[in-house]
Amino acid sequence: MARQNIFGTVFGVDAGMMQIAVCPNMSKRRSGEIVDRIFEFYKNKNVRLVMPATEARQFRKEEFGLPCIERVHMDLALSIGGDGTLLGVCRKFREQGIPVCGINLGTLGFLADIEPRELESRLGKILLGEFMIENRLLLSAFVKNELSNKFLGNAINDVVISKGGTARMLRLDIFINDTYLTHCKADGFIVSSPTGSTAYSLSAGGPILNPTIRALIITPICAHTFQMRPLVVSEDDEVRIKISANKNLMLTLDGQESFQIQPNDEIVVRKSQKTARIVKFADKNYYDVLKAKLWGNAFEPI
C-alpha cells in the first residue's frame, strides 16, 4: 500500500490535501459522466481536483483547468478512457514520476484498473491510500546514423518499426548488444515491454509476460522465414535494428507518436532509467484479469 503526498503548498493547497489530475479522453462517450461522478465524490473532501485546460473547457470545469499541467506536482492522475488513454497520460507525467490510475472506458483494459460500476468504491480506496503503485519497465528509443544519435522518446507498451505505405517487406539486421543475431525479412518489427506483451506483440504471435518479469520481447511482424521467432531477452540487453535501403519507414511509440525513419538508419531500443508508475488494487489478481479480458468464462475448471 502506498500513499505519497508530494504536492506541498503550491496554489494554496495545504500539505495534507491530496491533489489529483483528472485526464479524460474527450472522444469517449461516457467521459463526461465519469468526470461528473469524480467531482461529486470528492466534493467536500480533502482533495483538490485539477484538469488540463482544454479538457476542463470541454467538460465545463473551467475553474479547475491548468495550463501545462504536466509541470505541476500531483499526488496522482486519473486517466479516463482505454489503455491507450492511460499510456498517453503516463507519458505526459513521466518526468514527474506521478502515478496514474486508469478508469476503463475502452474494450479490453489491461492497464486501466477501475471499471465504471466500481468507480466510487475505488475512489474511496484512493482517498484512504489503499492502493499499490507498480513500477513498469519503460522503453527508450534512439535513431543513429552517420550524423547523429537522436533520442526519440519513451514507450510503455512497444516500439514498432513498420512500412509507411509500401507493400514491400522490410530488410532488417538484428543485433543484441554487440552480437549479430540474424537478417530478417518482415512486414515490421516490435520491441515490447512485458506490459505491452498483451498489445501489438500478442497479435503478431508474441508471448504473454507477467508485467513483473524484467525482460524485453522481440517480435517480427509476418516474418518471411521460420528462423526468426519471437524472442525474450534480458531487460538489460540493448536491441539494435539496422535497416537496409527501404523507403517510407515509420517508428511508432505506443501506437501514438510516429517518426519517419531513413534508409540505413539504426534503431536502438533499451530499458529507460525511468519507469511508468501505474496504480493497482490488492484485490485484483493479474491472472484473473488476464482470464477475464482474453477468455471470459470460456474456460472453467473441469
Foldseek 3Di string as FASTA:
>chain_A
DDFDQPQDQPPNQHSPAAEEEEEEDLPQPCRLVLVVVLCVLCPPHSYQYAYDQVVCVSNVNNVRHDHLCLVHDHREYEYEEAVLSQQVVLQSNQVVLHAYAYEYPYAQHLQHAHDPVCVSVVVVCVVVGQWDKDWFWKKWKWKDDPPDIGTDGIARFKKKKAAQDDPAWWWKFKDKANRTDDIWTARIKIKTQLVNCPPPQVVQPWDHDDRVAAWIWIQGRHIPDPPDHIDIGGLAIKMKMFTAQDARMWIDGSNPDIDGDHHRMMMIMHTDPTTRIYIGHPVDDSVVSVCCSPPNPVDDDD
